[in-house]
Amino acid sequence: MIHGNDAKFFADDSKLYLVCSSCESHTVVSEATTHDELRAIFDKNLMEAIQSRVTAQYVTWLIETKGAKFPFTDEAIQQIKAVQDYIPLCPHILFNFDSKEVMGDGWSVRLIFKSENIKVLKEKFFASHGFDEVVALLNKILKADNKEVLKKWVVDKTKLQIEDSVINGIEKMTVKRLKNLYSNKKDCNTIDSFIPYIEAQRV
């Protein structure tokens, strides 16, 4: 029997099982010994297929339970994006949306990021250099911690400030400031005031 990208899987004890679509029997398809090895068997196309399917299942469920307009609210959009970002980190966990994983608020999904995933994200964050890369990693960390991500207008504004600034090394300085804000548990969305402050000091 040939199974496509819509096949059902589940992971247990570092093993990946395929669920037969006709008889529901379980077949071991991977005996990876680590989380990274288990994740490595998923290619980009399969990952995108899983993201599309789970997102569609989740949005459909939101419409059925909360109404047609709810998926377009800011909090729902943020949760949907969190689900999509979560899948590449833990592809063996979330193959299908399961309403049993809905949290106490009645609509958001319980995303269980393993501590090693957070650790890897933070290591990449503090080792990164470009502003875009730092923002992308920081937003993933903030989502994993159930905290507010950087506002798009703040990011866009800061990127324009970097492009327009005449100060040498301003991007590197801004990246360092953003890392410091996160490390000191301060509001990272205040980063848009950093470059104007530095430029005022240089006048």
C-alpha atoms as a PDB file:
ATOM      1  CA  MET A   1       0.000   0.000   0.000  1.00  0.00           C
ATOM      2  CA  ILE A   2       1.264   3.487  -0.869  1.00  0.00           C
ATOM      3  CA  HIS A   3       0.759   6.224   1.735  1.00  0.00           C
ATOM      4  CA  GLY A   4       0.819   9.881   0.729  1.00  0.00           C
ATOM      5  CA  ASN A   5       1.533  13.068   2.680  1.00  0.00           C
ATOM      6  CA  ASP A   6      -1.865  12.789   4.347  1.00  0.00           C
ATOM      7  CA  ALA A   7      -0.903   9.580   6.116  1.00  0.00           C
ATOM      8  CA  LYS A   8      -1.280   9.476   9.877  1.00  0.00           C
ATOM      9  CA  PHE A   9       1.718   9.003  12.161  1.00  0.00           C
ATOM     10  CA  PHE A  10       2.449   9.091  15.860  1.00  0.00           C
ATOM     11  CA  ALA A  11       5.635   8.911  17.922  1.00  0.00           C
ATOM     12  CA  ASP A  12       6.241   6.846  21.028  1.00  0.00           C
ATOM     13  CA  ASP A  13       9.471   6.058  22.865  1.00  0.00           C
ATOM     14  CA  SER A  14      11.700   7.553  20.121  1.00  0.00           C
ATOM     15  CA  LYS A  15       9.975   5.480  17.447  1.00  0.00           C
ATOM     16  CA  LEU A  16       7.822   6.763  14.605  1.00  0.00           C
ATOM     17  CA  TYR A  17       4.770   4.688  13.684  1.00  0.00           C
ATOM     18  CA  LEU A  18       2.701   4.783  10.497  1.00  0.00           C
ATOM     19  CA  VAL A  19      -1.032   4.151  10.996  1.00  0.00           C
ATOM     20  CA  CYS A  20      -2.486   2.092   8.163  1.00  0.00           C
ATOM     21  CA  SER A  21      -5.413   3.940   6.569  1.00  0.00           C
ATOM     22  CA  SER A  22      -7.399   0.751   6.010  1.00  0.00           C
ATOM     23  CA  CYS A  23      -6.766  -1.515   8.994  1.00  0.00           C
ATOM     24  CA  GLU A  24      -5.429   1.008  11.551  1.00  0.00           C
ATOM     25  CA  SER A  25      -2.421  -1.230  12.290  1.00  0.00           C
ATOM     26  CA  HIS A  26       0.814   0.448  13.426  1.00  0.00           C
ATOM     27  CA  THR A  27       4.102   0.023  11.563  1.00  0.00           C
ATOM     28  CA  VAL A  28       7.452   1.270  12.856  1.00  0.00           C
ATOM     29  CA  VAL A  29       9.010   3.465  10.148  1.00  0.00           C
ATOM     30  CA  SER A  30      11.824   5.000  12.190  1.00  0.00           C
ATOM     31  CA  GLU A  31      13.717   4.041  15.328  1.00  0.00           C
ATOM     32  CA  ALA A  32      15.596   7.318  15.713  1.00  0.00           C
ATOM     33  CA  THR A  33      17.365   7.576  19.019  1.00  0.00           C
ATOM     34  CA  THR A  34      17.248  11.351  19.367  1.00  0.00           C
ATOM     35  CA  HIS A  35      14.742  14.105  18.693  1.00  0.00           C
ATOM     36  CA  ASP A  36      16.936  15.588  15.943  1.00  0.00           C
ATOM     37  CA  GLU A  37      17.250  12.232  14.184  1.00  0.00           C
ATOM     38  CA  LEU A  38      13.502  11.745  14.326  1.00  0.00           C
ATOM     39  CA  ARG A  39      12.927  15.221  12.913  1.00  0.00           C
ATOM     40  CA  ALA A  40      15.462  14.689  10.113  1.00  0.00           C
ATOM     41  CA  ILE A  41      13.329  12.120   8.291  1.00  0.00           C
ATOM     42  CA  PHE A  42      10.786  14.791   7.323  1.00  0.00           C
ATOM     43  CA  ASP A  43      11.552  16.638   4.106  1.00  0.00           C
ATOM     44  CA  LYS A  44      10.383  20.165   3.236  1.00  0.00           C
ATOM     45  CA  ASN A  45       7.437  19.046   1.094  1.00  0.00           C
ATOM     46  CA  LEU A  46       6.093  16.738   3.778  1.00  0.00           C
ATOM     47  CA  MET A  47       6.544  19.473   6.396  1.00  0.00           C
ATOM     48  CA  GLU A  48       4.596  21.957   4.279  1.00  0.00           C
ATOM     49  CA  ALA A  49       1.867  19.381   3.709  1.00  0.00           C
ATOM     50  CA  ILE A  50       1.572  18.781   7.450  1.00  0.00           C
ATOM     51  CA  GLN A  51       1.468  22.518   8.131  1.00  0.00           C
ATOM     52  CA  SER A  52      -1.274  23.048   5.535  1.00  0.00           C
ATOM     53  CA  ARG A  53      -3.360  20.134   6.769  1.00  0.00           C
ATOM     54  CA  VAL A  54      -3.138  20.928  10.468  1.00  0.00           C
ATOM     55  CA  THR A  55      -3.792  24.631   9.848  1.00  0.00           C
ATOM     56  CA  ALA A  56      -6.879  23.816   7.766  1.00  0.00           C
ATOM     57  CA  GLN A  57      -8.151  21.406  10.422  1.00  0.00           C
ATOM     58  CA  TYR A  58      -7.584  23.927  13.189  1.00  0.00           C
ATOM     59  CA  VAL A  59      -9.164  26.880  11.340  1.00  0.00           C
ATOM     60  CA  THR A  60     -12.176  24.747  10.393  1.00  0.00           C
ATOM     61  CA  TRP A  61     -12.593  23.770  14.034  1.00  0.00           C
ATOM     62  CA  LEU A  62     -12.296  27.418  15.129  1.00  0.00           C
ATOM     63  CA  ILE A  63     -15.020  28.438  12.663  1.00  0.00           C
ATOM     64  CA  GLU A  64     -17.302  25.625  13.837  1.00  0.00           C
ATOM     65  CA  THR A  65     -16.826  26.401  17.530  1.00  0.00           C
ATOM     66  CA  LYS A  66     -16.181  30.160  17.658  1.00  0.00           C
ATOM     67  CA  GLY A  67     -17.730  31.525  14.474  1.00  0.00           C
ATOM     68  CA  ALA A  68     -16.519  32.503  11.006  1.00  0.00           C
ATOM     69  CA  LYS A  69     -14.904  35.775  12.088  1.00  0.00           C
ATOM     70  CA  PHE A  70     -12.891  34.420  15.018  1.00  0.00           C
ATOM     71  CA  PRO A  71      -9.910  33.022  13.008  1.00  0.00           C
ATOM     72  CA  PHE A  72      -9.286  36.584  11.757  1.00  0.00           C
ATOM     73  CA  THR A  73      -8.862  38.083  15.231  1.00  0.00           C
ATOM     74  CA  ASP A  74      -5.330  39.074  16.279  1.00  0.00           C
ATOM     75  CA  GLU A  75      -5.128  36.461  19.031  1.00  0.00           C
ATOM     76  CA  ALA A  76      -6.317  33.668  16.732  1.00  0.00           C
ATOM     77  CA  ILE A  77      -3.912  34.686  13.949  1.00  0.00           C
ATOM     78  CA  GLN A  78      -1.036  34.663  16.443  1.00  0.00           C
ATOM     79  CA  GLN A  79      -2.034  31.192  17.648  1.00  0.00           C
ATOM     80  CA  ILE A  80      -2.357  29.853  14.097  1.00  0.00           C
ATOM     81  CA  LYS A  81       1.141  31.136  13.291  1.00  0.00           C
ATOM     82  CA  ALA A  82       2.434  29.547  16.497  1.00  0.00           C
ATOM     83  CA  VAL A  83       1.010  26.196  15.415  1.00  0.00           C
ATOM     84  CA  GLN A  84       2.662  26.523  11.996  1.00  0.00           C
ATOM     85  CA  ASP A  85       6.024  27.437  13.575  1.00  0.00           C
ATOM     86  CA  TYR A  86       5.694  24.585  16.063  1.00  0.00           C
ATOM     87  CA  ILE A  87       5.339  21.841  13.463  1.00  0.00           C
ATOM     88  CA  PRO A  88       8.908  22.108  12.021  1.00  0.00           C
ATOM     89  CA  LEU A  89      10.290  21.972  15.564  1.00  0.00           C
ATOM     90  CA  CYS A  90       8.241  18.951  16.630  1.00  0.00           C
ATOM     91  CA  PRO A  91       6.930  17.306  13.437  1.00  0.00           C
ATOM     92  CA  HIS A  92       6.513  13.920  15.084  1.00  0.00           C
ATOM     93  CA  ILE A  93       4.098  15.324  17.680  1.00  0.00           C
ATOM     94  CA  LEU A  94       1.521  17.309  15.703  1.00  0.00           C
ATOM     95  CA  PHE A  95       0.365  15.484  12.574  1.00  0.00           C
ATOM     96  CA  ASN A  96      -3.319  16.235  12.972  1.00  0.00           C
ATOM     97  CA  PHE A  97      -5.232  18.816  14.935  1.00  0.00           C
ATOM     98  CA  ASP A  98      -6.727  17.215  18.030  1.00  0.00           C
ATOM     99  CA  SER A  99      -9.383  19.095  20.000  1.00  0.00           C
ATOM    100  CA  LYS A 100      -8.229  17.188  23.094  1.00  0.00           C
ATOM    101  CA  GLU A 101      -5.179  19.469  23.076  1.00  0.00           C
ATOM    102  CA  VAL A 102      -7.273  22.630  23.371  1.00  0.00           C
ATOM    103  CA  MET A 103      -6.425  24.626  26.492  1.00  0.00           C
ATOM    104  CA  GLY A 104      -8.702  25.971  29.193  1.00  0.00           C
ATOM    105  CA  ASP A 105      -9.640  29.058  27.203  1.00  0.00           C
ATOM    106  CA  GLY A 106     -11.578  26.748  24.896  1.00  0.00           C
ATOM    107  CA  TRP A 107      -9.795  27.481  21.632  1.00  0.00           C
ATOM    108  CA  SER A 108      -5.977  27.760  21.756  1.00  0.00           C
ATOM    109  CA  VAL A 109      -3.819  24.678  21.233  1.00  0.00           C
ATOM    110  CA  ARG A 110      -1.478  23.255  23.831  1.00  0.00           C
ATOM    111  CA  LEU A 111       1.977  23.501  22.253  1.00  0.00           C
ATOM    112  CA  ILE A 112       4.532  21.598  24.265  1.00  0.00           C
ATOM    113  CA  PHE A 113       7.986  22.810  23.304  1.00  0.00           C
ATOM    114  CA  LYS A 114      10.654  20.530  24.713  1.00  0.00           C
ATOM    115  CA  SER A 115      13.327  22.261  26.755  1.00  0.00           C
ATOM    116  CA  GLU A 116      16.043  21.242  24.301  1.00  0.00           C
ATOM    117  CA  ASN A 117      14.199  23.032  21.483  1.00  0.00           C
ATOM    118  CA  ILE A 118      14.073  26.255  23.482  1.00  0.00           C
ATOM    119  CA  LYS A 119      17.737  25.870  24.345  1.00  0.00           C
ATOM    120  CA  VAL A 120      18.694  25.466  20.677  1.00  0.00           C
ATOM    121  CA  LEU A 121      16.589  28.478  19.675  1.00  0.00           C
ATOM    122  CA  LYS A 122      18.240  30.649  22.327  1.00  0.00           C
ATOM    123  CA  GLU A 123      21.713  29.507  21.319  1.00  0.00           C
ATOM    124  CA  LYS A 124      20.970  30.428  17.698  1.00  0.00           C
ATOM    125  CA  PHE A 125      19.443  33.731  18.797  1.00  0.00           C
ATOM    126  CA  PHE A 126      22.475  34.865  20.791  1.00  0.00           C
ATOM    127  CA  ALA A 127      24.867  33.673  18.056  1.00  0.00           C
ATOM    128  CA  SER A 128      23.003  35.401  15.201  1.00  0.00           C
ATOM    129  CA  HIS A 129      24.108  38.709  13.665  1.00  0.00           C
ATOM    130  CA  GLY A 130      21.605  40.069  11.130  1.00  0.00           C
ATOM    131  CA  PHE A 131      18.539  41.988  12.316  1.00  0.00           C
ATOM    132  CA  ASP A 132      16.063  39.879  10.295  1.00  0.00           C
ATOM    133  CA  GLU A 133      17.544  36.639  11.603  1.00  0.00           C
ATOM    134  CA  VAL A 134      17.530  37.867  15.202  1.00  0.00           C
ATOM    135  CA  VAL A 135      13.893  38.995  14.949  1.00  0.00           C
ATOM    136  CA  ALA A 136      12.771  35.659  13.464  1.00  0.00           C
ATOM    137  CA  LEU A 137      14.476  33.652  16.212  1.00  0.00           C
ATOM    138  CA  LEU A 138      13.302  35.981  18.966  1.00  0.00           C
ATOM    139  CA  ASN A 139       9.694  35.694  17.835  1.00  0.00           C
ATOM    140  CA  LYS A 140       9.918  31.897  17.961  1.00  0.00           C
ATOM    141  CA  ILE A 141      11.320  32.079  21.500  1.00  0.00           C
ATOM    142  CA  LEU A 142       8.625  34.533  22.616  1.00  0.00           C
ATOM    143  CA  LYS A 143       5.897  32.330  21.130  1.00  0.00           C
ATOM    144  CA  ALA A 144       7.319  29.298  22.907  1.00  0.00           C
ATOM    145  CA  ASP A 145       7.218  31.247  26.177  1.00  0.00           C
ATOM    146  CA  ASN A 146       3.632  32.385  25.450  1.00  0.00           C
ATOM    147  CA  LYS A 147       4.773  36.012  25.330  1.00  0.00           C
ATOM    148  CA  GLU A 148       3.941  38.810  22.931  1.00  0.00           C
ATOM    149  CA  VAL A 149       6.037  38.718  19.767  1.00  0.00           C
ATOM    150  CA  LEU A 150       7.612  41.773  18.169  1.00  0.00           C
ATOM    151  CA  LYS A 151       4.987  43.913  16.498  1.00  0.00           C
ATOM    152  CA  LYS A 152       5.314  44.022  12.708  1.00  0.00           C
ATOM    153  CA  TRP A 153       5.216  47.821  12.619  1.00  0.00           C
ATOM    154  CA  VAL A 154       8.035  47.971  15.181  1.00  0.00           C
ATOM    155  CA  VAL A 155      10.173  45.618  13.095  1.00  0.00           C
ATOM    156  CA  ASP A 156       9.421  47.476   9.840  1.00  0.00           C
ATOM    157  CA  LYS A 157      10.118  50.854  11.449  1.00  0.00           C
ATOM    158  CA  THR A 158      13.414  49.668  12.920  1.00  0.00           C
ATOM    159  CA  LYS A 159      14.530  48.180   9.590  1.00  0.00           C
ATOM    160  CA  LEU A 160      13.910  51.536   7.898  1.00  0.00           C
ATOM    161  CA  GLN A 161      15.870  53.275  10.653  1.00  0.00           C
ATOM    162  CA  ILE A 162      18.795  50.910  10.072  1.00  0.00           C
ATOM    163  CA  GLU A 163      18.707  51.559   6.323  1.00  0.00           C
ATOM    164  CA  ASP A 164      18.519  55.350   6.761  1.00  0.00           C
ATOM    165  CA  SER A 165      21.095  55.685   9.527  1.00  0.00           C
ATOM    166  CA  VAL A 166      24.546  57.104   8.745  1.00  0.00           C
ATOM    167  CA  ILE A 167      26.109  55.551  11.847  1.00  0.00           C
ATOM    168  CA  ASN A 168      28.601  52.822  11.004  1.00  0.00           C
ATOM    169  CA  GLY A 169      27.709  49.462  12.523  1.00  0.00           C
ATOM    170  CA  ILE A 170      24.191  50.548  13.522  1.00  0.00           C
ATOM    171  CA  GLU A 171      22.647  47.175  12.627  1.00  0.00           C
ATOM    172  CA  LYS A 172      25.138  45.358  14.846  1.00  0.00           C
ATOM    173  CA  MET A 173      24.401  47.814  17.659  1.00  0.00           C
ATOM    174  CA  THR A 174      20.649  47.354  17.233  1.00  0.00           C
ATOM    175  CA  VAL A 175      20.980  43.570  17.293  1.00  0.00           C
ATOM    176  CA  LYS A 176      23.027  43.780  20.487  1.00  0.00           C
ATOM    177  CA  ARG A 177      20.422  46.062  22.058  1.00  0.00           C
ATOM    178  CA  LEU A 178      17.604  43.657  21.147  1.00  0.00           C
ATOM    179  CA  LYS A 179      19.477  40.762  22.747  1.00  0.00           C
ATOM    180  CA  ASN A 180      20.039  42.859  25.876  1.00  0.00           C
ATOM    181  CA  LEU A 181      16.353  43.753  26.083  1.00  0.00           C
ATOM    182  CA  TYR A 182      15.430  40.078  25.964  1.00  0.00           C
ATOM    183  CA  SER A 183      18.154  39.026  28.425  1.00  0.00           C
ATOM    184  CA  ASN A 184      17.072  41.695  30.918  1.00  0.00           C
ATOM    185  CA  LYS A 185      13.383  40.732  30.509  1.00  0.00           C
ATOM    186  CA  LYS A 186      12.450  44.160  29.168  1.00  0.00           C
ATOM    187  CA  ASP A 187       9.919  45.012  26.467  1.00  0.00           C
ATOM    188  CA  CYS A 188      11.570  44.102  23.166  1.00  0.00           C
ATOM    189  CA  ASN A 189       8.997  46.196  21.307  1.00  0.00           C
ATOM    190  CA  THR A 190      10.829  49.320  22.494  1.00  0.00           C
ATOM    191  CA  ILE A 191      13.655  48.578  20.040  1.00  0.00           C
ATOM    192  CA  ASP A 192      12.266  51.185  17.626  1.00  0.00           C
ATOM    193  CA  SER A 193      13.379  53.965  19.990  1.00  0.00           C
ATOM    194  CA  PHE A 194      17.002  52.769  20.123  1.00  0.00           C
ATOM    195  CA  ILE A 195      18.385  54.177  16.860  1.00  0.00           C
ATOM    196  CA  PRO A 196      16.838  57.657  17.305  1.00  0.00           C
ATOM    197  CA  TYR A 197      18.374  57.724  20.811  1.00  0.00           C
ATOM    198  CA  ILE A 198      21.836  56.745  19.526  1.00  0.00           C
ATOM    199  CA  GLU A 199      21.658  59.280  16.707  1.00  0.00           C
ATOM    200  CA  ALA A 200      20.648  62.026  19.133  1.00  0.00           C
ATOM    201  CA  GLN A 201      23.674  61.209  21.279  1.00  0.00           C
ATOM    202  CA  ARG A 202      25.983  61.468  18.236  1.00  0.00           C
ATOM    203  CA  VAL A 203      24.828  64.960  17.244  1.00  0.00           C
END
